[in-house]
Amino acid sequence: MGVFVEGWALYAESLGRELGLYEDPIQYFGILRMEMHRTIRLVVDTGLHSKGWTREQAIQYSLDHEAESEASIISEVERYMATPGQALPYIMSQIKIRALRTKAEQKLGAQFDVRAFTVKF
C-alpha cells in the first residue's frame, strides 16, 4: 500500500504546472530537479543489480549527473546496494496512476476534471 501512496504523491507533485501553481520557471525547476534525482536512482539501482556496476561506478554515475554532495550520493548508493529494486515501485505506481488518468480522460472527454480524479487502492 505504501508504494501506491508514494506513487500518488509523485503524481500529485506533477500537477503543479498543469494547475498553474508556478509563477515563474525557477519554481518549476525544483520539481524537474527531483524528477532527475529519481531517474538517477533508477539508473543506479538497475546498474548495480542488473548491469553489475561496482559501488564506485554507481557513485561516479551519480556524481556525473546530479548536483548532490559526494557524502549524500555515497549514502544513497550504499542504500541501493543493500536493497535491490528500491527505486522501482513508487515510479511504477506513478506510471500506473498516470495511465489510469489517461484512460479516464479518454472515457470522459471534456467532462474530465483533474481536481476530481482519484484512484482507489
PDB file of N, CA and C in Angstrom:
ATOM      1  N   MET A   1       0.820  -1.199   0.000  1.00  0.00           N
ATOM      2  CA  MET A   1       0.000   0.000   0.000  1.00  0.00           C
ATOM      3  C   MET A   1       0.864   1.264   0.000  1.00  0.00           C
ATOM      4  N   GLY A   2       1.966   1.244   0.761  1.00  0.00           N
ATOM      5  CA  GLY A   2       2.828   2.411   0.831  1.00  0.00           C
ATOM      6  C   GLY A   2       3.355   2.844  -0.520  1.00  0.00           C
ATOM      7  N   VAL A   3       3.630   1.868  -1.377  1.00  0.00           N
ATOM      8  CA  VAL A   3       4.145   2.190  -2.702  1.00  0.00           C
ATOM      9  C   VAL A   3       3.123   3.011  -3.490  1.00  0.00           C
ATOM     10  N   PHE A   4       1.839   2.702  -3.326  1.00  0.00           N
ATOM     11  CA  PHE A   4       0.819   3.457  -4.046  1.00  0.00           C
ATOM     12  C   PHE A   4       0.670   4.860  -3.476  1.00  0.00           C
ATOM     13  N   VAL A   5       0.852   4.988  -2.184  1.00  0.00           N
ATOM     14  CA  VAL A   5       0.809   6.317  -1.571  1.00  0.00           C
ATOM     15  C   VAL A   5       1.950   7.165  -2.118  1.00  0.00           C
ATOM     16  N   GLU A   6       3.146   6.579  -2.206  1.00  0.00           N
ATOM     17  CA  GLU A   6       4.276   7.317  -2.760  1.00  0.00           C
ATOM     18  C   GLU A   6       4.042   7.637  -4.229  1.00  0.00           C
ATOM     19  N   GLY A   7       3.489   6.693  -4.978  1.00  0.00           N
ATOM     20  CA  GLY A   7       3.179   6.933  -6.384  1.00  0.00           C
ATOM     21  C   GLY A   7       2.158   8.045  -6.542  1.00  0.00           C
ATOM     22  N   TRP A   8       1.154   8.066  -5.659  1.00  0.00           N
ATOM     23  CA  TRP A   8       0.153   9.138  -5.703  1.00  0.00           C
ATOM     24  C   TRP A   8       0.808  10.480  -5.393  1.00  0.00           C
ATOM     25  N   ALA A   9       1.723  10.488  -4.436  1.00  0.00           N
ATOM     26  CA  ALA A   9       2.430  11.728  -4.100  1.00  0.00           C
ATOM     27  C   ALA A   9       3.224  12.238  -5.307  1.00  0.00           C
ATOM     28  N   LEU A  10       3.888  11.340  -6.017  1.00  0.00           N
ATOM     29  CA  LEU A  10       4.635  11.755  -7.207  1.00  0.00           C
ATOM     30  C   LEU A  10       3.699  12.261  -8.292  1.00  0.00           C
ATOM     31  N   TYR A  11       2.574  11.586  -8.465  1.00  0.00           N
ATOM     32  CA  TYR A  11       1.583  12.046  -9.441  1.00  0.00           C
ATOM     33  C   TYR A  11       1.099  13.449  -9.050  1.00  0.00           C
ATOM     34  N   ALA A  12       0.733  13.626  -7.789  1.00  0.00           N
ATOM     35  CA  ALA A  12       0.222  14.923  -7.320  1.00  0.00           C
ATOM     36  C   ALA A  12       1.276  16.015  -7.487  1.00  0.00           C
ATOM     37  N   GLU A  13       2.518  15.668  -7.210  1.00  0.00           N
ATOM     38  CA  GLU A  13       3.604  16.627  -7.373  1.00  0.00           C
ATOM     39  C   GLU A  13       3.708  17.105  -8.823  1.00  0.00           C
ATOM     40  N   SER A  14       3.369  16.241  -9.743  1.00  0.00           N
ATOM     41  CA  SER A  14       3.488  16.579 -11.160  1.00  0.00           C
ATOM     42  C   SER A  14       2.390  17.521 -11.647  1.00  0.00           C
ATOM     43  N   LEU A  15       1.380  17.755 -10.844  1.00  0.00           N
ATOM     44  CA  LEU A  15       0.231  18.564 -11.264  1.00  0.00           C
ATOM     45  C   LEU A  15       0.448  20.078 -11.157  1.00  0.00           C
ATOM     46  N   GLY A  16       1.469  20.491 -10.450  1.00  0.00           N
ATOM     47  CA  GLY A  16       1.673  21.914 -10.196  1.00  0.00           C
ATOM     48  C   GLY A  16       1.669  22.782 -11.439  1.00  0.00           C
ATOM     49  N   ARG A  17       2.382  22.364 -12.445  1.00  0.00           N
ATOM     50  CA  ARG A  17       2.448  23.165 -13.674  1.00  0.00           C
ATOM     51  C   ARG A  17       1.091  23.189 -14.372  1.00  0.00           C
ATOM     52  N   GLU A  18       0.468  22.027 -14.471  1.00  0.00           N
ATOM     53  CA  GLU A  18      -0.842  21.917 -15.131  1.00  0.00           C
ATOM     54  C   GLU A  18      -1.900  22.783 -14.450  1.00  0.00           C
ATOM     55  N   LEU A  19      -1.811  22.891 -13.135  1.00  0.00           N
ATOM     56  CA  LEU A  19      -2.788  23.670 -12.385  1.00  0.00           C
ATOM     57  C   LEU A  19      -2.398  25.147 -12.252  1.00  0.00           C
ATOM     58  N   GLY A  20      -1.291  25.525 -12.871  1.00  0.00           N
ATOM     59  CA  GLY A  20      -0.871  26.923 -12.845  1.00  0.00           C
ATOM     60  C   GLY A  20      -0.337  27.394 -11.511  1.00  0.00           C
ATOM     61  N   LEU A  21       0.301  26.512 -10.760  1.00  0.00           N
ATOM     62  CA  LEU A  21       0.777  26.868  -9.429  1.00  0.00           C
ATOM     63  C   LEU A  21       2.144  27.530  -9.413  1.00  0.00           C
ATOM     64  N   TYR A  22       2.842  27.503 -10.530  1.00  0.00           N
ATOM     65  CA  TYR A  22       4.163  28.112 -10.589  1.00  0.00           C
ATOM     66  C   TYR A  22       4.067  29.461 -11.274  1.00  0.00           C
ATOM     67  N   GLU A  23       4.623  30.472 -10.626  1.00  0.00           N
ATOM     68  CA  GLU A  23       4.579  31.814 -11.173  1.00  0.00           C
ATOM     69  C   GLU A  23       5.750  32.095 -12.106  1.00  0.00           C
ATOM     70  N   ASP A  24       6.829  31.344 -11.963  1.00  0.00           N
ATOM     71  CA  ASP A  24       7.979  31.534 -12.844  1.00  0.00           C
ATOM     72  C   ASP A  24       8.721  30.205 -13.007  1.00  0.00           C
ATOM     73  N   PRO A  25       9.580  30.118 -13.998  1.00  0.00           N
ATOM     74  CA  PRO A  25      10.291  28.858 -14.277  1.00  0.00           C
ATOM     75  C   PRO A  25      11.184  28.375 -13.134  1.00  0.00           C
ATOM     76  N   ILE A  26      11.680  29.275 -12.306  1.00  0.00           N
ATOM     77  CA  ILE A  26      12.555  28.875 -11.197  1.00  0.00           C
ATOM     78  C   ILE A  26      11.790  27.988 -10.221  1.00  0.00           C
ATOM     79  N   GLN A  27      10.508  28.279  -9.989  1.00  0.00           N
ATOM     80  CA  GLN A  27       9.704  27.447  -9.100  1.00  0.00           C
ATOM     81  C   GLN A  27       9.534  26.045  -9.688  1.00  0.00           C
ATOM     82  N   TYR A  28       9.362  25.966 -10.968  1.00  0.00           N
ATOM     83  CA  TYR A  28       9.194  24.680 -11.644  1.00  0.00           C
ATOM     84  C   TYR A  28      10.493  23.878 -11.654  1.00  0.00           C
ATOM     85  N   PHE A  29      11.610  24.560 -11.609  1.00  0.00           N
ATOM     86  CA  PHE A  29      12.906  23.901 -11.641  1.00  0.00           C
ATOM     87  C   PHE A  29      13.062  22.884 -10.510  1.00  0.00           C
ATOM     88  N   GLY A  30      12.564  23.186  -9.334  1.00  0.00           N
ATOM     89  CA  GLY A  30      12.669  22.268  -8.193  1.00  0.00           C
ATOM     90  C   GLY A  30      12.025  20.919  -8.479  1.00  0.00           C
ATOM     91  N   ILE A  31      10.877  20.933  -9.127  1.00  0.00           N
ATOM     92  CA  ILE A  31      10.192  19.685  -9.484  1.00  0.00           C
ATOM     93  C   ILE A  31      11.024  18.917 -10.508  1.00  0.00           C
ATOM     94  N   LEU A  32      11.540  19.615 -11.499  1.00  0.00           N
ATOM     95  CA  LEU A  32      12.370  18.952 -12.510  1.00  0.00           C
ATOM     96  C   LEU A  32      13.619  18.342 -11.886  1.00  0.00           C
ATOM     97  N   ARG A  33      14.205  19.034 -10.929  1.00  0.00           N
ATOM     98  CA  ARG A  33      15.392  18.535 -10.239  1.00  0.00           C
ATOM     99  C   ARG A  33      15.075  17.243  -9.488  1.00  0.00           C
ATOM    100  N   MET A  34      13.940  17.198  -8.826  1.00  0.00           N
ATOM    101  CA  MET A  34      13.561  15.976  -8.096  1.00  0.00           C
ATOM    102  C   MET A  34      13.250  14.831  -9.059  1.00  0.00           C
ATOM    103  N   GLU A  35      12.641  15.129 -10.200  1.00  0.00           N
ATOM    104  CA  GLU A  35      12.393  14.088 -11.195  1.00  0.00           C
ATOM    105  C   GLU A  35      13.713  13.515 -11.702  1.00  0.00           C
ATOM    106  N   MET A  36      14.676  14.381 -11.929  1.00  0.00           N
ATOM    107  CA  MET A  36      16.000  13.933 -12.366  1.00  0.00           C
ATOM    108  C   MET A  36      16.652  13.074 -11.283  1.00  0.00           C
ATOM    109  N   HIS A  37      16.527  13.485 -10.039  1.00  0.00           N
ATOM    110  CA  HIS A  37      17.086  12.730  -8.910  1.00  0.00           C
ATOM    111  C   HIS A  37      16.507  11.310  -8.876  1.00  0.00           C
ATOM    112  N   ARG A  38      15.200  11.197  -9.027  1.00  0.00           N
ATOM    113  CA  ARG A  38      14.564   9.868  -9.009  1.00  0.00           C
ATOM    114  C   ARG A  38      14.963   9.043 -10.230  1.00  0.00           C
ATOM    115  N   THR A  39      15.145   9.689 -11.362  1.00  0.00           N
ATOM    116  CA  THR A  39      15.596   8.981 -12.563  1.00  0.00           C
ATOM    117  C   THR A  39      17.001   8.430 -12.359  1.00  0.00           C
ATOM    118  N   ILE A  40      17.867   9.220 -11.774  1.00  0.00           N
ATOM    119  CA  ILE A  40      19.224   8.764 -11.489  1.00  0.00           C
ATOM    120  C   ILE A  40      19.184   7.586 -10.525  1.00  0.00           C
ATOM    121  N   ARG A  41      18.314   7.626  -9.544  1.00  0.00           N
ATOM    122  CA  ARG A  41      18.160   6.497  -8.620  1.00  0.00           C
ATOM    123  C   ARG A  41      17.809   5.215  -9.369  1.00  0.00           C
ATOM    124  N   LEU A  42      16.890   5.328 -10.338  1.00  0.00           N
ATOM    125  CA  LEU A  42      16.515   4.147 -11.125  1.00  0.00           C
ATOM    126  C   LEU A  42      17.700   3.599 -11.906  1.00  0.00           C
ATOM    127  N   VAL A  43      18.471   4.488 -12.505  1.00  0.00           N
ATOM    128  CA  VAL A  43      19.641   4.062 -13.278  1.00  0.00           C
ATOM    129  C   VAL A  43      20.657   3.383 -12.358  1.00  0.00           C
ATOM    130  N   VAL A  44      20.911   3.974 -11.204  1.00  0.00           N
ATOM    131  CA  VAL A  44      21.879   3.411 -10.263  1.00  0.00           C
ATOM    132  C   VAL A  44      21.401   2.052  -9.752  1.00  0.00           C
ATOM    133  N   ASP A  45      20.147   1.953  -9.372  1.00  0.00           N
ATOM    134  CA  ASP A  45      19.584   0.699  -8.883  1.00  0.00           C
ATOM    135  C   ASP A  45      19.722  -0.396  -9.948  1.00  0.00           C
ATOM    136  N   THR A  46      19.364  -0.063 -11.177  1.00  0.00           N
ATOM    137  CA  THR A  46      19.464  -1.013 -12.283  1.00  0.00           C
ATOM    138  C   THR A  46      20.925  -1.335 -12.592  1.00  0.00           C
ATOM    139  N   GLY A  47      21.766  -0.326 -12.593  1.00  0.00           N
ATOM    140  CA  GLY A  47      23.188  -0.545 -12.866  1.00  0.00           C
ATOM    141  C   GLY A  47      23.815  -1.503 -11.871  1.00  0.00           C
ATOM    142  N   LEU A  48      23.519  -1.293 -10.596  1.00  0.00           N
ATOM    143  CA  LEU A  48      24.085  -2.145  -9.548  1.00  0.00           C
ATOM    144  C   LEU A  48      23.585  -3.589  -9.642  1.00  0.00           C
ATOM    145  N   HIS A  49      22.294  -3.756  -9.832  1.00  0.00           N
ATOM    146  CA  HIS A  49      21.696  -5.079  -9.667  1.00  0.00           C
ATOM    147  C   HIS A  49      21.421  -5.826 -10.964  1.00  0.00           C
ATOM    148  N   SER A  50      21.464  -5.127 -12.079  1.00  0.00           N
ATOM    149  CA  SER A  50      21.230  -5.805 -13.355  1.00  0.00           C
ATOM    150  C   SER A  50      22.446  -5.743 -14.270  1.00  0.00           C
ATOM    151  N   LYS A  51      23.163  -4.653 -14.201  1.00  0.00           N
ATOM    152  CA  LYS A  51      24.308  -4.450 -15.095  1.00  0.00           C
ATOM    153  C   LYS A  51      25.646  -4.781 -14.443  1.00  0.00           C
ATOM    154  N   GLY A  52      25.621  -5.090 -13.151  1.00  0.00           N
ATOM    155  CA  GLY A  52      26.853  -5.474 -12.477  1.00  0.00           C
ATOM    156  C   GLY A  52      27.804  -4.336 -12.152  1.00  0.00           C
ATOM    157  N   TRP A  53      27.272  -3.110 -12.028  1.00  0.00           N
ATOM    158  CA  TRP A  53      28.122  -1.980 -11.680  1.00  0.00           C
ATOM    159  C   TRP A  53      28.760  -2.199 -10.311  1.00  0.00           C
ATOM    160  N   THR A  54      29.931  -1.648 -10.152  1.00  0.00           N
ATOM    161  CA  THR A  54      30.567  -1.607  -8.838  1.00  0.00           C
ATOM    162  C   THR A  54      30.016  -0.408  -8.065  1.00  0.00           C
ATOM    163  N   ARG A  55      30.302  -0.400  -6.795  1.00  0.00           N
ATOM    164  CA  ARG A  55      29.927   0.734  -5.948  1.00  0.00           C
ATOM    165  C   ARG A  55      30.514   2.019  -6.534  1.00  0.00           C
ATOM    166  N   GLU A  56      31.762   1.953  -6.948  1.00  0.00           N
ATOM    167  CA  GLU A  56      32.450   3.134  -7.474  1.00  0.00           C
ATOM    168  C   GLU A  56      31.821   3.627  -8.777  1.00  0.00           C
ATOM    169  N   GLN A  57      31.402   2.691  -9.643  1.00  0.00           N
ATOM    170  CA  GLN A  57      30.742   3.099 -10.893  1.00  0.00           C
ATOM    171  C   GLN A  57      29.424   3.809 -10.598  1.00  0.00           C
ATOM    172  N   ALA A  58      28.665   3.276  -9.645  1.00  0.00           N
ATOM    173  CA  ALA A  58      27.384   3.893  -9.292  1.00  0.00           C
ATOM    174  C   ALA A  58      27.596   5.282  -8.692  1.00  0.00           C
ATOM    175  N   ILE A  59      28.588   5.400  -7.848  1.00  0.00           N
ATOM    176  CA  ILE A  59      28.893   6.710  -7.251  1.00  0.00           C
ATOM    177  C   ILE A  59      29.305   7.694  -8.336  1.00  0.00           C
ATOM    178  N   GLN A  60      30.172   7.263  -9.231  1.00  0.00           N
ATOM    179  CA  GLN A  60      30.637   8.162 -10.284  1.00  0.00           C
ATOM    180  C   GLN A  60      29.499   8.593 -11.204  1.00  0.00           C
ATOM    181  N   TYR A  61      28.612   7.645 -11.537  1.00  0.00           N
ATOM    182  CA  TYR A  61      27.460   7.997 -12.384  1.00  0.00           C
ATOM    183  C   TYR A  61      26.645   9.097 -11.713  1.00  0.00           C
ATOM    184  N   SER A  62      26.373   8.930 -10.442  1.00  0.00           N
ATOM    185  CA  SER A  62      25.586   9.932  -9.711  1.00  0.00           C
ATOM    186  C   SER A  62      26.317  11.265  -9.653  1.00  0.00           C
ATOM    187  N   LEU A  63      27.613  11.235  -9.365  1.00  0.00           N
ATOM    188  CA  LEU A  63      28.389  12.475  -9.311  1.00  0.00           C
ATOM    189  C   LEU A  63      28.388  13.194 -10.656  1.00  0.00           C
ATOM    190  N   ASP A  64      28.419  12.419 -11.733  1.00  0.00           N
ATOM    191  CA  ASP A  64      28.450  12.998 -13.076  1.00  0.00           C
ATOM    192  C   ASP A  64      27.115  13.600 -13.505  1.00  0.00           C
ATOM    193  N   HIS A  65      26.026  13.170 -12.884  1.00  0.00           N
ATOM    194  CA  HIS A  65      24.703  13.566 -13.373  1.00  0.00           C
ATOM    195  C   HIS A  65      23.831  14.310 -12.364  1.00  0.00           C
ATOM    196  N   GLU A  66      24.342  14.506 -11.169  1.00  0.00           N
ATOM    197  CA  GLU A  66      23.487  15.116 -10.152  1.00  0.00           C
ATOM    198  C   GLU A  66      24.273  16.100  -9.292  1.00  0.00           C
ATOM    199  N   ALA A  67      23.614  17.151  -8.887  1.00  0.00           N
ATOM    200  CA  ALA A  67      24.235  18.181  -8.047  1.00  0.00           C
ATOM    201  C   ALA A  67      23.961  17.887  -6.578  1.00  0.00           C
ATOM    202  N   GLU A  68      24.469  16.771  -6.099  1.00  0.00           N
ATOM    203  CA  GLU A  68      24.358  16.404  -4.686  1.00  0.00           C
ATOM    204  C   GLU A  68      25.769  16.256  -4.135  1.00  0.00           C
ATOM    205  N   SER A  69      25.896  16.306  -2.831  1.00  0.00           N
ATOM    206  CA  SER A  69      27.210  16.140  -2.226  1.00  0.00           C
ATOM    207  C   SER A  69      27.679  14.694  -2.383  1.00  0.00           C
ATOM    208  N   GLU A  70      28.976  14.508  -2.393  1.00  0.00           N
ATOM    209  CA  GLU A  70      29.520  13.156  -2.517  1.00  0.00           C
ATOM    210  C   GLU A  70      29.077  12.285  -1.345  1.00  0.00           C
ATOM    211  N   ALA A  71      29.046  12.851  -0.153  1.00  0.00           N
ATOM    212  CA  ALA A  71      28.613  12.083   1.021  1.00  0.00           C
ATOM    213  C   ALA A  71      27.173  11.608   0.869  1.00  0.00           C
ATOM    214  N   SER A  72      26.309  12.477   0.375  1.00  0.00           N
ATOM    215  CA  SER A  72      24.906  12.114   0.161  1.00  0.00           C
ATOM    216  C   SER A  72      24.779  11.015  -0.897  1.00  0.00           C
ATOM    217  N   ILE A  73      25.536  11.152  -1.961  1.00  0.00           N
ATOM    218  CA  ILE A  73      25.494  10.160  -3.042  1.00  0.00           C
ATOM    219  C   ILE A  73      26.001   8.812  -2.549  1.00  0.00           C
ATOM    220  N   ILE A  74      27.091   8.803  -1.816  1.00  0.00           N
ATOM    221  CA  ILE A  74      27.625   7.544  -1.289  1.00  0.00           C
ATOM    222  C   ILE A  74      26.595   6.859  -0.396  1.00  0.00           C
ATOM    223  N   SER A  75      25.959   7.632   0.449  1.00  0.00           N
ATOM    224  CA  SER A  75      24.933   7.080   1.334  1.00  0.00           C
ATOM    225  C   SER A  75      23.796   6.443   0.536  1.00  0.00           C
ATOM    226  N   GLU A  76      23.339   7.137  -0.499  1.00  0.00           N
ATOM    227  CA  GLU A  76      22.258   6.597  -1.334  1.00  0.00           C
ATOM    228  C   GLU A  76      22.689   5.350  -2.079  1.00  0.00           C
ATOM    229  N   VAL A  77      23.861   5.385  -2.676  1.00  0.00           N
ATOM    230  CA  VAL A  77      24.343   4.220  -3.422  1.00  0.00           C
ATOM    231  C   VAL A  77      24.443   3.012  -2.497  1.00  0.00           C
ATOM    232  N   GLU A  78      24.958   3.201  -1.308  1.00  0.00           N
ATOM    233  CA  GLU A  78      25.082   2.082  -0.375  1.00  0.00           C
ATOM    234  C   GLU A  78      23.713   1.556   0.050  1.00  0.00           C
ATOM    235  N   ARG A  79      22.753   2.450   0.172  1.00  0.00           N
ATOM    236  CA  ARG A  79      21.386   2.009   0.484  1.00  0.00           C
ATOM    237  C   ARG A  79      20.819   1.168  -0.656  1.00  0.00           C
ATOM    238  N   TYR A  80      21.052   1.592  -1.887  1.00  0.00           N
ATOM    239  CA  TYR A  80      20.567   0.831  -3.035  1.00  0.00           C
ATOM    240  C   TYR A  80      21.315  -0.484  -3.194  1.00  0.00           C
ATOM    241  N   MET A  81      22.578  -0.528  -2.790  1.00  0.00           N
ATOM    242  CA  MET A  81      23.322  -1.779  -2.830  1.00  0.00           C
ATOM    243  C   MET A  81      22.682  -2.805  -1.893  1.00  0.00           C
ATOM    244  N   ALA A  82      22.205  -2.343  -0.753  1.00  0.00           N
ATOM    245  CA  ALA A  82      21.647  -3.235   0.265  1.00  0.00           C
ATOM    246  C   ALA A  82      20.225  -3.681  -0.045  1.00  0.00           C
ATOM    247  N   THR A  83      19.496  -2.898  -0.837  1.00  0.00           N
ATOM    248  CA  THR A  83      18.093  -3.206  -1.102  1.00  0.00           C
ATOM    249  C   THR A  83      17.804  -3.111  -2.594  1.00  0.00           C
ATOM    250  N   PRO A  84      17.982  -4.195  -3.325  1.00  0.00           N
ATOM    251  CA  PRO A  84      17.719  -4.176  -4.768  1.00  0.00           C
ATOM    252  C   PRO A  84      16.269  -3.814  -5.090  1.00  0.00           C
ATOM    253  N   GLY A  85      16.089  -3.068  -6.163  1.00  0.00           N
ATOM    254  CA  GLY A  85      14.752  -2.731  -6.630  1.00  0.00           C
ATOM    255  C   GLY A  85      14.048  -1.647  -5.835  1.00  0.00           C
ATOM    256  N   GLN A  86      14.754  -0.996  -4.940  1.00  0.00           N
ATOM    257  CA  GLN A  86      14.150   0.011  -4.073  1.00  0.00           C
ATOM    258  C   GLN A  86      13.574   1.200  -4.838  1.00  0.00           C
ATOM    259  N   ALA A  87      14.202   1.556  -5.948  1.00  0.00           N
ATOM    260  CA  ALA A  87      13.781   2.744  -6.693  1.00  0.00           C
ATOM    261  C   ALA A  87      12.586   2.477  -7.602  1.00  0.00           C
ATOM    262  N   LEU A  88      12.289   1.250  -7.864  1.00  0.00           N
ATOM    263  CA  LEU A  88      11.298   0.919  -8.877  1.00  0.00           C
ATOM    264  C   LEU A  88       9.829   1.049  -8.467  1.00  0.00           C
ATOM    265  N   PRO A  89       9.406   0.583  -7.310  1.00  0.00           N
ATOM    266  CA  PRO A  89       7.962   0.528  -7.021  1.00  0.00           C
ATOM    267  C   PRO A  89       7.222   1.856  -7.071  1.00  0.00           C
ATOM    268  N   TYR A  90       7.755   2.897  -6.471  1.00  0.00           N
ATOM    269  CA  TYR A  90       6.999   4.159  -6.440  1.00  0.00           C
ATOM    270  C   TYR A  90       6.910   4.781  -7.824  1.00  0.00           C
ATOM    271  N   ILE A  91       7.944   4.594  -8.643  1.00  0.00           N
ATOM    272  CA  ILE A  91       7.885   5.113 -10.014  1.00  0.00           C
ATOM    273  C   ILE A  91       6.858   4.322 -10.823  1.00  0.00           C
ATOM    274  N   MET A  92       6.846   3.005 -10.634  1.00  0.00           N
ATOM    275  CA  MET A  92       5.886   2.174 -11.365  1.00  0.00           C
ATOM    276  C   MET A  92       4.450   2.517 -10.967  1.00  0.00           C
ATOM    277  N   SER A  93       4.229   2.806  -9.691  1.00  0.00           N
ATOM    278  CA  SER A  93       2.868   3.170  -9.286  1.00  0.00           C
ATOM    279  C   SER A  93       2.487   4.547  -9.829  1.00  0.00           C
ATOM    280  N   GLN A  94       3.445   5.467  -9.923  1.00  0.00           N
ATOM    281  CA  GLN A  94       3.163   6.765 -10.543  1.00  0.00           C
ATOM    282  C   GLN A  94       2.781   6.572 -12.011  1.00  0.00           C
ATOM    283  N   ILE A  95       3.507   5.716 -12.705  1.00  0.00           N
ATOM    284  CA  ILE A  95       3.206   5.441 -14.118  1.00  0.00           C
ATOM    285  C   ILE A  95       1.815   4.824 -14.252  1.00  0.00           C
ATOM    286  N   LYS A  96       1.464   3.916 -13.345  1.00  0.00           N
ATOM    287  CA  LYS A  96       0.141   3.277 -13.385  1.00  0.00           C
ATOM    288  C   LYS A  96      -0.964   4.315 -13.144  1.00  0.00           C
ATOM    289  N   ILE A  97      -0.760   5.184 -12.185  1.00  0.00           N
ATOM    290  CA  ILE A  97      -1.753   6.229 -11.906  1.00  0.00           C
ATOM    291  C   ILE A  97      -1.918   7.138 -13.119  1.00  0.00           C
ATOM    292  N   ARG A  98      -0.818   7.507 -13.752  1.00  0.00           N
ATOM    293  CA  ARG A  98      -0.885   8.346 -14.946  1.00  0.00           C
ATOM    294  C   ARG A  98      -1.641   7.628 -16.062  1.00  0.00           C
ATOM    295  N   ALA A  99      -1.437   6.311 -16.202  1.00  0.00           N
ATOM    296  CA  ALA A  99      -2.157   5.529 -17.218  1.00  0.00           C
ATOM    297  C   ALA A  99      -3.654   5.489 -16.907  1.00  0.00           C
ATOM    298  N   LEU A 100      -3.999   5.343 -15.641  1.00  0.00           N
ATOM    299  CA  LEU A 100      -5.416   5.349 -15.255  1.00  0.00           C
ATOM    300  C   LEU A 100      -6.041   6.720 -15.534  1.00  0.00           C
ATOM    301  N   ARG A 101      -5.278   7.761 -15.302  1.00  0.00           N
ATOM    302  CA  ARG A 101      -5.784   9.106 -15.604  1.00  0.00           C
ATOM    303  C   ARG A 101      -6.023   9.257 -17.103  1.00  0.00           C
ATOM    304  N   THR A 102      -5.092   8.803 -17.916  1.00  0.00           N
ATOM    305  CA  THR A 102      -5.251   8.876 -19.367  1.00  0.00           C
ATOM    306  C   THR A 102      -6.503   8.132 -19.804  1.00  0.00           C
ATOM    307  N   LYS A 103      -6.721   6.975 -19.214  1.00  0.00           N
ATOM    308  CA  LYS A 103      -7.922   6.178 -19.522  1.00  0.00           C
ATOM    309  C   LYS A 103      -9.186   6.955 -19.143  1.00  0.00           C
ATOM    310  N   ALA A 104      -9.173   7.584 -17.977  1.00  0.00           N
ATOM    311  CA  ALA A 104     -10.323   8.388 -17.538  1.00  0.00           C
ATOM    312  C   ALA A 104     -10.544   9.583 -18.456  1.00  0.00           C
ATOM    313  N   GLU A 105      -9.460  10.231 -18.865  1.00  0.00           N
ATOM    314  CA  GLU A 105      -9.569  11.376 -19.782  1.00  0.00           C
ATOM    315  C   GLU A 105     -10.188  10.946 -21.109  1.00  0.00           C
ATOM    316  N   GLN A 106      -9.761   9.806 -21.611  1.00  0.00           N
ATOM    317  CA  GLN A 106     -10.296   9.320 -22.882  1.00  0.00           C
ATOM    318  C   GLN A 106     -11.774   8.948 -22.756  1.00  0.00           C
ATOM    319  N   LYS A 107     -12.128   8.360 -21.638  1.00  0.00           N
ATOM    320  CA  LYS A 107     -13.512   7.943 -21.435  1.00  0.00           C
ATOM    321  C   LYS A 107     -14.442   9.137 -21.214  1.00  0.00           C
ATOM    322  N   LEU A 108     -13.979  10.114 -20.440  1.00  0.00           N
ATOM    323  CA  LEU A 108     -14.833  11.244 -20.061  1.00  0.00           C
ATOM    324  C   LEU A 108     -14.742  12.436 -21.019  1.00  0.00           C
ATOM    325  N   GLY A 109     -13.656  12.498 -21.768  1.00  0.00           N
ATOM    326  CA  GLY A 109     -13.501  13.613 -22.705  1.00  0.00           C
ATOM    327  C   GLY A 109     -13.525  14.951 -21.986  1.00  0.00           C
ATOM    328  N   ALA A 110     -14.350  15.864 -22.482  1.00  0.00           N
ATOM    329  CA  ALA A 110     -14.439  17.217 -21.925  1.00  0.00           C
ATOM    330  C   ALA A 110     -14.971  17.237 -20.495  1.00  0.00           C
ATOM    331  N   GLN A 111     -15.610  16.159 -20.066  1.00  0.00           N
ATOM    332  CA  GLN A 111     -16.137  16.103 -18.695  1.00  0.00           C
ATOM    333  C   GLN A 111     -15.071  15.744 -17.664  1.00  0.00           C
ATOM    334  N   PHE A 112     -13.889  15.349 -18.131  1.00  0.00           N
ATOM    335  CA  PHE A 112     -12.818  15.006 -17.186  1.00  0.00           C
ATOM    336  C   PHE A 112     -12.410  16.249 -16.406  1.00  0.00           C
ATOM    337  N   ASP A 113     -12.301  16.089 -15.079  1.00  0.00           N
ATOM    338  CA  ASP A 113     -11.892  17.178 -14.193  1.00  0.00           C
ATOM    339  C   ASP A 113     -10.722  16.686 -13.362  1.00  0.00           C
ATOM    340  N   VAL A 114      -9.549  17.241 -13.592  1.00  0.00           N
ATOM    341  CA  VAL A 114      -8.354  16.798 -12.879  1.00  0.00           C
ATOM    342  C   VAL A 114      -8.529  16.907 -11.366  1.00  0.00           C
ATOM    343  N   ARG A 115      -9.293  17.885 -10.910  1.00  0.00           N
ATOM    344  CA  ARG A 115      -9.491  18.065  -9.463  1.00  0.00           C
ATOM    345  C   ARG A 115     -10.344  16.971  -8.853  1.00  0.00           C
ATOM    346  N   ALA A 116     -11.121  16.287  -9.666  1.00  0.00           N
ATOM    347  CA  ALA A 116     -11.992  15.222  -9.159  1.00  0.00           C
ATOM    348  C   ALA A 116     -11.397  13.836  -9.351  1.00  0.00           C
ATOM    349  N   PHE A 117     -10.291  13.736 -10.074  1.00  0.00           N
ATOM    350  CA  PHE A 117      -9.693  12.427 -10.375  1.00  0.00           C
ATOM    351  C   PHE A 117      -9.076  11.817  -9.129  1.00  0.00           C
ATOM    352  N   THR A 118      -9.476  10.602  -8.803  1.00  0.00           N
ATOM    353  CA  THR A 118      -8.899   9.843  -7.715  1.00  0.00           C
ATOM    354  C   THR A 118      -8.731   8.400  -8.162  1.00  0.00           C
ATOM    355  N   VAL A 119      -7.903   7.675  -7.425  1.00  0.00           N
ATOM    356  CA  VAL A 119      -7.693   6.262  -7.681  1.00  0.00           C
ATOM    357  C   VAL A 119      -7.900   5.540  -6.357  1.00  0.00           C
ATOM    358  N   LYS A 120      -8.665   4.469  -6.379  1.00  0.00           N
ATOM    359  CA  LYS A 120      -8.886   3.683  -5.163  1.00  0.00           C
ATOM    360  C   LYS A 120      -7.922   2.513  -5.162  1.00  0.00           C
ATOM    361  N   PHE A 121      -7.212   2.360  -4.051  1.00  0.00           N
ATOM    362  CA  PHE A 121      -6.233   1.274  -3.928  1.00  0.00           C
ATOM    363  C   PHE A 121      -6.825   0.121  -3.161  1.00  0.00           C
TER     364      PHE A 121
END
